[in-house]
Amino acid sequence: HAPLPKELAELLRVGEAPLADALLELIARFDLPFAVKDAATSQYRFVNERLAALFGSTPEAMVGTGDAQWLDAAQWPPLRTAENAALAMPRGALSEHKLELGGMRREFAVARTALRDVDGTPVVLCSLWMELTAQRQTEAKLQLALSQLEQQQQAAEALRRETQDQGLRDAVTGLYQKIHFEDQLRREVDLSSREHREFSLVTIELDPLSDEAQAMGPLARTRVLEALGRLLRSNTRAMDASCRLDESRFAVLLSGVGLATAHSRMEGLRRQCATQIVVLEGRNIGFTVSMGVASFPHTAHTQEALVEAAETALVEARKRGGNHVTLASIRFELE
């Protein structure tokens, strides 16, 4: 073991026995479990009352025994491993152990150091135990409290965002309202202009409902709008934006998507709408939509021109009888 500092060695020139007595007294004052084991056999040669009480025994009963007599087969091997590690280290070792004692799971930090003879061979191994059970329970409770607080904060933030988001969305379709869409469109035009990328704008109008559906009143139209909202949300990505412009008209912003791809995706959406089953009072009140597709910068170079191009294409789709997707004209300009 490491030599004492010179100043301390001078102060403790009182002999080994008085020093040992003083150390044991200090250990007893702090009510710490303490034991001395034979280095060769790992049997107890000394056990204080506090350590014996942990094992539900007495010092007299434990002397001359090993841990295998007091602990089950799963618990004592880790103790022996830690002891061997401490015997191999000049200054001993500190380890932690979890033990089932008296039907209770308890945690300990155990400091071990060997006393050696003149040739350095370990003779006995001293161990001083400190229980960590209460500390670990407190730490676990604190960790749980912090985790719960973090979850509450996350839930509050999610609710705040949801509430904020709901203020931007149409109550019937779940789509963004017009003011949010116009803001997204301005940003997309600015981004595409700076990065020389394309995107598409689609204007959509709900075709007139059948006479049977109209005869069923406002609820039929609400069911149709709810179904259209679900289809628009499921057919757009997180970077896209879809909104309700007014009672019957909608718009979809397809970020980074060219005219041909936008047409293909919207044609698929048109077919889904035409085959969507919307049931009210046991009857299917199906619906169709008309769409106009324009792209930036191929069909328009400004935000206003892009909106106008999509509107013109939508008018053409309506002229064709509805349930149709029409592409805006691509403008060719001579340098």
Protein backbone atom coordinates (compact mmCIF):
# COMPACT_ATOMS: atom_id res chain seq x y z
CA HIS A 1 0.00 0.00 0.00
CA ALA A 2 1.06 3.59 -0.55
CA PRO A 3 3.35 5.08 2.16
CA LEU A 4 1.95 7.75 4.43
CA PRO A 5 2.91 11.36 3.71
CA LYS A 6 6.00 12.36 5.69
CA GLU A 7 4.18 14.87 7.88
CA LEU A 8 1.46 12.34 8.77
CA ALA A 9 4.00 9.57 9.44
CA GLU A 10 5.77 11.83 11.94
CA LEU A 11 2.53 12.53 13.76
CA LEU A 12 1.54 8.84 13.92
CA ARG A 13 4.72 7.43 15.49
CA VAL A 14 2.64 5.71 18.13
CA GLY A 15 2.97 2.10 17.04
CA GLU A 16 0.75 -0.12 14.96
CA ALA A 17 -1.66 -1.25 17.65
CA PRO A 18 -2.76 2.22 18.81
CA LEU A 19 -3.11 3.29 15.16
CA ALA A 20 -5.27 0.26 14.38
CA ASP A 21 -7.42 0.96 17.43
CA ALA A 22 -7.86 4.58 16.34
CA LEU A 23 -8.91 3.58 12.82
CA LEU A 24 -11.43 1.05 14.13
CA GLU A 25 -12.84 3.68 16.47
CA LEU A 26 -13.29 6.12 13.58
CA ILE A 27 -15.00 3.43 11.51
CA ALA A 28 -17.30 2.60 14.43
CA ARG A 29 -18.17 6.27 14.97
CA PHE A 30 -19.36 6.48 11.36
CA ASP A 31 -21.15 3.14 11.72
CA LEU A 32 -19.46 1.72 8.60
CA PRO A 33 -19.32 -2.01 7.86
CA PHE A 34 -15.70 -3.24 8.02
CA ALA A 35 -14.05 -6.62 7.56
CA VAL A 36 -10.65 -8.26 7.22
CA LYS A 37 -10.27 -11.39 5.06
CA ASP A 38 -7.47 -13.87 4.64
CA ALA A 39 -5.86 -13.02 1.29
CA ALA A 40 -5.28 -16.69 0.38
CA THR A 41 -8.61 -18.25 1.40
CA SER A 42 -10.96 -15.24 1.23
CA GLN A 43 -12.33 -16.25 4.63
CA TYR A 44 -13.25 -13.63 7.21
CA ARG A 45 -10.69 -13.09 9.99
CA PHE A 46 -12.44 -10.07 11.46
CA VAL A 47 -15.97 -8.69 11.03
CA ASN A 48 -17.45 -5.74 12.90
CA GLU A 49 -21.01 -5.66 14.20
CA ARG A 50 -22.23 -3.43 11.38
CA LEU A 51 -21.10 -5.73 8.56
CA ALA A 52 -22.36 -8.83 10.35
CA ALA A 53 -25.77 -7.19 10.72
CA LEU A 54 -25.95 -6.68 6.94
CA PHE A 55 -25.65 -10.44 6.47
CA GLY A 56 -28.08 -11.17 9.29
CA SER A 57 -25.37 -12.74 11.43
CA THR A 58 -22.86 -12.03 14.18
CA PRO A 59 -19.11 -11.36 13.99
CA GLU A 60 -18.37 -14.63 15.81
CA ALA A 61 -20.44 -16.68 13.35
CA MET A 62 -18.85 -15.08 10.27
CA VAL A 63 -15.19 -15.44 11.26
CA GLY A 64 -13.70 -18.42 9.41
CA THR A 65 -16.41 -18.43 6.73
CA GLY A 66 -16.58 -17.09 3.18
CA ASP A 67 -19.24 -15.13 1.30
CA ALA A 68 -20.58 -18.30 -0.33
CA GLN A 69 -22.02 -19.27 3.06
CA TRP A 70 -24.01 -16.03 3.38
CA LEU A 71 -24.96 -15.17 -0.19
CA ASP A 72 -26.58 -17.15 -3.00
CA ALA A 73 -24.63 -18.44 -5.98
CA ALA A 74 -25.39 -15.40 -8.13
CA GLN A 75 -24.20 -12.79 -5.62
CA TRP A 76 -20.89 -13.83 -4.09
CA PRO A 77 -18.75 -14.39 -7.28
CA PRO A 78 -18.72 -10.65 -8.17
CA LEU A 79 -17.44 -9.92 -4.66
CA ARG A 80 -14.60 -12.42 -5.10
CA THR A 81 -13.71 -10.93 -8.49
CA ALA A 82 -13.50 -7.45 -6.94
CA GLU A 83 -11.32 -8.80 -4.12
CA ASN A 84 -8.88 -10.39 -6.57
CA ALA A 85 -8.67 -7.11 -8.47
CA ALA A 86 -7.90 -5.23 -5.26
CA LEU A 87 -5.21 -7.77 -4.28
CA ALA A 88 -3.53 -7.22 -7.65
CA MET A 89 -3.40 -3.44 -7.25
CA PRO A 90 -0.81 -1.74 -5.01
CA ARG A 91 -3.28 0.83 -3.71
CA GLY A 92 -6.37 -1.40 -3.63
CA ALA A 93 -9.59 -0.74 -5.50
CA LEU A 94 -13.08 0.72 -5.15
CA SER A 95 -16.06 -1.17 -6.57
CA GLU A 96 -19.84 -1.10 -6.38
CA HIS A 97 -22.16 -4.02 -5.69
CA LYS A 98 -25.89 -4.71 -5.69
CA LEU A 99 -26.99 -7.36 -3.19
CA GLU A 100 -30.28 -8.87 -2.06
CA LEU A 101 -30.06 -8.76 1.73
CA GLY A 102 -32.99 -9.48 3.99
CA GLY A 103 -35.38 -9.47 1.05
CA MET A 104 -34.30 -5.99 0.01
CA ARG A 105 -32.15 -4.87 -2.90
CA ARG A 106 -29.29 -2.75 -1.57
CA GLU A 107 -26.33 -1.00 -3.18
CA PHE A 108 -22.84 -0.54 -1.75
CA ALA A 109 -19.53 1.07 -2.58
CA VAL A 110 -16.71 -1.10 -1.19
CA ALA A 111 -13.11 0.08 -0.76
CA ARG A 112 -10.56 -2.74 -0.50
CA THR A 113 -6.83 -2.65 0.22
CA ALA A 114 -4.34 -5.38 1.09
CA LEU A 115 -1.82 -5.50 3.91
CA ARG A 116 1.37 -7.16 2.70
CA ASP A 117 4.41 -8.78 4.25
CA VAL A 118 7.99 -7.63 3.65
CA ASP A 119 8.25 -9.30 0.25
CA GLY A 120 4.99 -7.72 -0.95
CA THR A 121 2.82 -10.81 -0.67
CA PRO A 122 -0.76 -9.95 0.38
CA VAL A 123 -1.57 -11.28 3.83
CA VAL A 124 -5.01 -9.87 4.56
CA LEU A 125 -7.55 -7.81 2.64
CA CYS A 126 -9.34 -5.00 4.44
CA SER A 127 -12.71 -3.86 3.16
CA LEU A 128 -14.75 -0.82 4.16
CA TRP A 129 -18.38 -0.67 3.02
CA MET A 130 -20.56 2.36 2.39
CA GLU A 131 -24.25 1.89 1.61
CA LEU A 132 -25.58 3.79 -1.40
CA THR A 133 -29.17 2.51 -1.38
CA ALA A 134 -30.83 5.68 -0.10
CA GLN A 135 -28.65 7.88 -2.31
CA ARG A 136 -29.44 5.82 -5.42
CA GLN A 137 -33.15 5.80 -4.60
CA THR A 138 -33.05 9.57 -4.26
CA GLU A 139 -31.15 9.86 -7.53
CA ALA A 140 -33.66 7.55 -9.24
CA LYS A 141 -36.58 9.61 -7.92
CA LEU A 142 -34.88 12.80 -9.07
CA GLN A 143 -34.20 11.29 -12.48
CA LEU A 144 -37.83 10.19 -12.74
CA ALA A 145 -39.01 13.64 -11.70
CA LEU A 146 -36.74 15.28 -14.29
CA SER A 147 -37.93 12.84 -16.94
CA GLN A 148 -41.56 13.56 -16.08
CA LEU A 149 -40.87 17.29 -16.13
CA GLU A 150 -39.22 16.97 -19.54
CA GLN A 151 -42.19 14.97 -20.83
CA GLN A 152 -44.57 17.61 -19.48
CA GLN A 153 -42.55 20.34 -21.16
CA GLN A 154 -42.54 18.42 -24.44
CA ALA A 155 -46.27 17.83 -24.18
CA ALA A 156 -46.85 21.51 -23.44
CA GLU A 157 -44.69 22.50 -26.41
CA ALA A 158 -46.51 20.04 -28.67
CA LEU A 159 -49.85 21.44 -27.46
CA ARG A 160 -48.64 24.98 -28.05
CA ARG A 161 -47.55 24.11 -31.58
CA GLU A 162 -50.76 22.23 -32.24
CA THR A 163 -52.83 25.13 -30.97
CA GLN A 164 -50.79 27.54 -33.05
CA ASP A 165 -51.05 25.25 -36.07
CA GLN A 166 -54.79 24.79 -35.63
CA GLY A 167 -55.17 28.55 -35.82
CA LEU A 168 -53.71 28.39 -39.33
CA ARG A 169 -55.87 25.48 -40.52
CA ASP A 170 -59.36 25.18 -41.87
CA ALA A 171 -61.61 23.38 -39.36
CA VAL A 172 -63.40 21.21 -41.95
CA THR A 173 -60.58 20.06 -44.25
CA GLY A 174 -57.59 20.33 -41.90
CA LEU A 175 -55.75 22.24 -44.66
CA TYR A 176 -53.90 25.52 -44.22
CA GLN A 177 -55.88 28.70 -44.66
CA LYS A 178 -55.21 31.11 -47.50
CA ILE A 179 -53.02 33.55 -45.56
CA HIS A 180 -50.54 30.81 -44.60
CA PHE A 181 -50.46 29.48 -48.15
CA GLU A 182 -49.67 32.89 -49.63
CA ASP A 183 -46.76 33.23 -47.19
CA GLN A 184 -45.45 29.79 -48.21
CA LEU A 185 -45.78 30.69 -51.88
CA ARG A 186 -43.76 33.88 -51.42
CA ARG A 187 -40.98 31.94 -49.67
CA GLU A 188 -40.95 29.23 -52.34
CA VAL A 189 -40.66 31.80 -55.14
CA ASP A 190 -37.79 33.52 -53.33
CA LEU A 191 -35.99 30.22 -52.65
CA SER A 192 -36.41 28.93 -56.19
CA SER A 193 -35.21 32.22 -57.66
CA ARG A 194 -32.03 32.15 -55.54
CA GLU A 195 -31.25 28.47 -56.02
CA HIS A 196 -32.44 28.16 -59.65
CA ARG A 197 -34.86 25.36 -58.85
CA GLU A 198 -38.40 24.67 -59.94
CA PHE A 199 -41.65 24.06 -58.12
CA SER A 200 -45.28 23.64 -59.13
CA LEU A 201 -48.53 25.30 -58.17
CA VAL A 202 -51.84 23.47 -58.51
CA THR A 203 -55.24 25.12 -58.21
CA ILE A 204 -58.14 22.78 -57.52
CA GLU A 205 -61.89 23.31 -57.65
CA LEU A 206 -64.54 20.96 -56.40
CA ASP A 207 -66.87 20.11 -59.26
CA PRO A 208 -70.61 20.66 -58.65
CA LEU A 209 -72.07 17.84 -56.57
CA SER A 210 -74.75 15.60 -57.97
CA ASP A 211 -78.39 16.58 -57.58
CA GLU A 212 -78.82 13.73 -55.10
CA ALA A 213 -75.93 14.97 -52.95
CA GLN A 214 -77.16 18.57 -53.05
CA ALA A 215 -80.61 17.41 -51.99
CA MET A 216 -79.05 15.92 -48.85
CA GLY A 217 -78.16 19.38 -47.61
CA PRO A 218 -75.02 21.06 -46.14
CA LEU A 219 -73.87 17.93 -44.29
CA ALA A 220 -73.25 16.15 -47.58
CA ARG A 221 -70.97 18.94 -48.74
CA THR A 222 -69.14 18.89 -45.39
CA ARG A 223 -68.49 15.15 -45.75
CA VAL A 224 -67.12 15.70 -49.25
CA LEU A 225 -64.83 18.52 -48.09
CA GLU A 226 -63.54 16.36 -45.21
CA ALA A 227 -62.74 13.54 -47.65
CA LEU A 228 -60.99 15.90 -50.07
CA GLY A 229 -58.94 17.36 -47.21
CA ARG A 230 -57.77 13.88 -46.18
CA LEU A 231 -56.78 13.01 -49.75
CA LEU A 232 -54.84 16.26 -50.19
CA ARG A 233 -52.97 15.76 -46.90
CA SER A 234 -52.10 12.14 -47.71
CA ASN A 235 -50.86 13.00 -51.19
CA THR A 236 -48.50 15.81 -50.19
CA ARG A 237 -45.13 15.72 -48.44
CA ALA A 238 -43.96 17.62 -45.39
CA MET A 239 -42.21 20.20 -47.57
CA ASP A 240 -45.35 20.77 -49.67
CA ALA A 241 -48.27 23.00 -48.68
CA SER A 242 -51.97 22.57 -49.38
CA CYS A 243 -54.72 24.98 -48.42
CA ARG A 244 -58.34 25.90 -48.81
CA LEU A 245 -58.75 29.17 -50.69
CA ASP A 246 -62.53 29.54 -50.39
CA GLU A 247 -65.71 27.47 -50.28
CA SER A 248 -64.88 25.28 -53.28
CA ARG A 249 -61.33 26.10 -54.33
CA PHE A 250 -58.00 24.77 -53.07
CA ALA A 251 -54.31 25.11 -53.89
CA VAL A 252 -51.29 22.83 -53.55
CA LEU A 253 -47.66 23.94 -53.57
CA LEU A 254 -45.28 21.15 -54.66
CA SER A 255 -41.76 22.11 -53.61
CA GLY A 256 -38.94 21.11 -55.99
CA VAL A 257 -41.37 19.38 -58.38
CA GLY A 258 -41.44 20.04 -62.14
CA LEU A 259 -44.45 20.31 -64.41
CA ALA A 260 -44.47 16.70 -65.68
CA THR A 261 -44.12 15.17 -62.22
CA ALA A 262 -46.75 17.51 -60.79
CA HIS A 263 -49.17 16.51 -63.57
CA SER A 264 -48.58 12.82 -62.87
CA ARG A 265 -49.17 13.22 -59.15
CA MET A 266 -52.28 15.34 -59.58
CA GLU A 267 -53.70 12.93 -62.15
CA GLY A 268 -53.36 10.21 -59.55
CA LEU A 269 -55.09 12.43 -56.99
CA ARG A 270 -57.91 13.19 -59.46
CA ARG A 271 -58.55 9.47 -59.92
CA GLN A 272 -58.58 8.94 -56.15
CA CYS A 273 -61.17 11.68 -55.75
CA ALA A 274 -63.35 10.23 -58.52
CA THR A 275 -63.35 6.79 -56.88
CA GLN A 276 -63.50 7.94 -53.26
CA ILE A 277 -66.48 6.56 -51.36
CA VAL A 278 -68.20 9.14 -49.18
CA VAL A 279 -71.18 7.65 -47.37
CA LEU A 280 -74.01 9.62 -45.81
CA GLU A 281 -77.31 8.09 -44.70
CA GLY A 282 -76.30 4.83 -46.34
CA ARG A 283 -75.69 6.41 -49.75
CA ASN A 284 -72.45 7.18 -51.60
CA ILE A 285 -72.13 10.87 -52.45
CA GLY A 286 -69.01 10.73 -54.60
CA PHE A 287 -67.29 13.81 -55.99
CA THR A 288 -64.80 14.93 -58.64
CA VAL A 289 -62.36 17.83 -58.94
CA SER A 290 -60.82 19.93 -61.69
CA MET A 291 -57.16 21.00 -61.55
CA GLY A 292 -54.86 23.50 -63.20
CA VAL A 293 -51.11 22.91 -62.96
CA ALA A 294 -48.41 25.55 -63.51
CA SER A 295 -44.70 25.56 -62.69
CA PHE A 296 -42.04 28.09 -61.79
CA PRO A 297 -40.13 29.25 -63.78
CA HIS A 298 -41.23 27.28 -66.90
CA THR A 299 -44.77 28.63 -67.17
CA ALA A 300 -44.23 31.85 -65.21
CA HIS A 301 -41.34 33.92 -63.85
CA THR A 302 -43.20 35.82 -61.10
CA GLN A 303 -45.56 34.90 -58.31
CA GLU A 304 -48.46 36.79 -59.84
CA ALA A 305 -47.93 35.26 -63.26
CA LEU A 306 -47.67 31.78 -61.75
CA VAL A 307 -51.02 32.15 -59.94
CA GLU A 308 -52.61 33.48 -63.14
CA ALA A 309 -51.23 30.57 -65.19
CA ALA A 310 -52.61 28.00 -62.74
CA GLU A 311 -56.00 29.76 -62.71
CA THR A 312 -56.12 29.82 -66.52
CA ALA A 313 -55.34 26.11 -66.65
CA LEU A 314 -58.11 25.45 -64.09
CA VAL A 315 -60.62 27.37 -66.20
CA GLU A 316 -59.65 25.21 -69.17
CA ALA A 317 -60.16 22.05 -67.10
CA ARG A 318 -63.64 23.24 -66.14
CA LYS A 319 -64.45 23.98 -69.78
CA ARG A 320 -63.63 20.35 -70.56
CA GLY A 321 -66.46 19.26 -68.31
CA GLY A 322 -64.60 18.96 -65.02
CA ASN A 323 -62.90 15.91 -63.53
CA HIS A 324 -59.82 16.90 -65.51
CA VAL A 325 -56.19 18.01 -64.98
CA THR A 326 -54.91 20.71 -67.34
CA LEU A 327 -51.33 21.93 -67.70
CA ALA A 328 -50.52 25.62 -68.09
CA SER A 329 -48.81 26.61 -71.30
CA ILE A 330 -45.03 26.80 -71.31
CA ARG A 331 -43.84 30.17 -72.52
CA PHE A 332 -40.97 30.33 -74.93
CA GLU A 333 -39.10 33.62 -74.97
CA LEU A 334 -36.62 34.65 -77.63
CA GLU A 335 -33.40 36.24 -76.40
